[in-house]
Amino acid sequence: MKLLDFKDVLKTYKSEKHGKKILEKYRKWFPLYTSKELAGLIADLMCDGHLQGYPKLRFDYISKYPKELMRFENILYNLFGMKGKIRHVEGNEFGTSFIYGVNCKPLARLLLTVGVPYGAKVLKEFRIPEWILEDKEYFREFVRRVYLCEGSFYKKDFLIGLQFYKADYLKDNGFEFVNDIRNNIIKHFGIRCSRVYTCKAKCIRKDDIKTIPVKFTIHGRRQFEKFEKEMNINIGSHKIK
């Protein structure tokens, strides 16, 4: 299914003349069609990525593992013929990590247009694009990447957890987003999930904004094994706790 055409991104520029001049060298991107790869890329950027909005318009993808950044690069190159650069970061709150940075304003603008949120995601309202939710294989790839970025797997207890933090004043949007994941896991794969809930745990940011966790779980041997099979995740090698 066609998702975007040249004119869809062009109209995001204030000046059509200026926009045409910039976008002309990227005409090979268009028309942009829906695909599993694009669904997975959007999930990566919604989770472990960061897209800077106007005027910088660039994006990063963060991981502790260089091989993971190379996987991201391959997807990005296959979709758009673009590559970024890797830099090593030490001493942050998450320990040693690597950042894959892409400085391409037209591509960042395109990603904004297809639904990738910009800025601090905990402070933004956003939802999963409908074209991903409606297609089983697109959703499978999207949610697979979401869990590999943000999921917790407790194999001993046959428990799988997923949570996102959201500013307290955006709690409703947080519940909508997480419920979209939960409800479509049930719809597409028949995997039982808990209700979506929050708890008393909270985090106060440096700007004094209170954030809350929004979460749900998958529990039990049959559901655990079904999830592992449907998502094609070898849980024995990913984030076991």
Foldseek 3Di string as FASTA:
>chain_A
DFDAALVLLCVVDPDNVVSCVQCVVQNVLPRPDDDLLVLLLLLQCQFQKAAADPPQGWMKGKAQDPVVVVVSQVSCCVNRVDAFDKDWDADDPVGTMIMTIGRDNSVSSVSVSQWRDHDDSLEDQGARDPVQLVDLSSVLSSVLSNCLRAKAAAPVFLKIKGKDKHFPVCVVSRLRRVVSNQVSCCVNQVQDKDHWDWDPDWDQDPVRTIITMIMIMGGDDVSSVSSCVSSVPPVVPGNHD
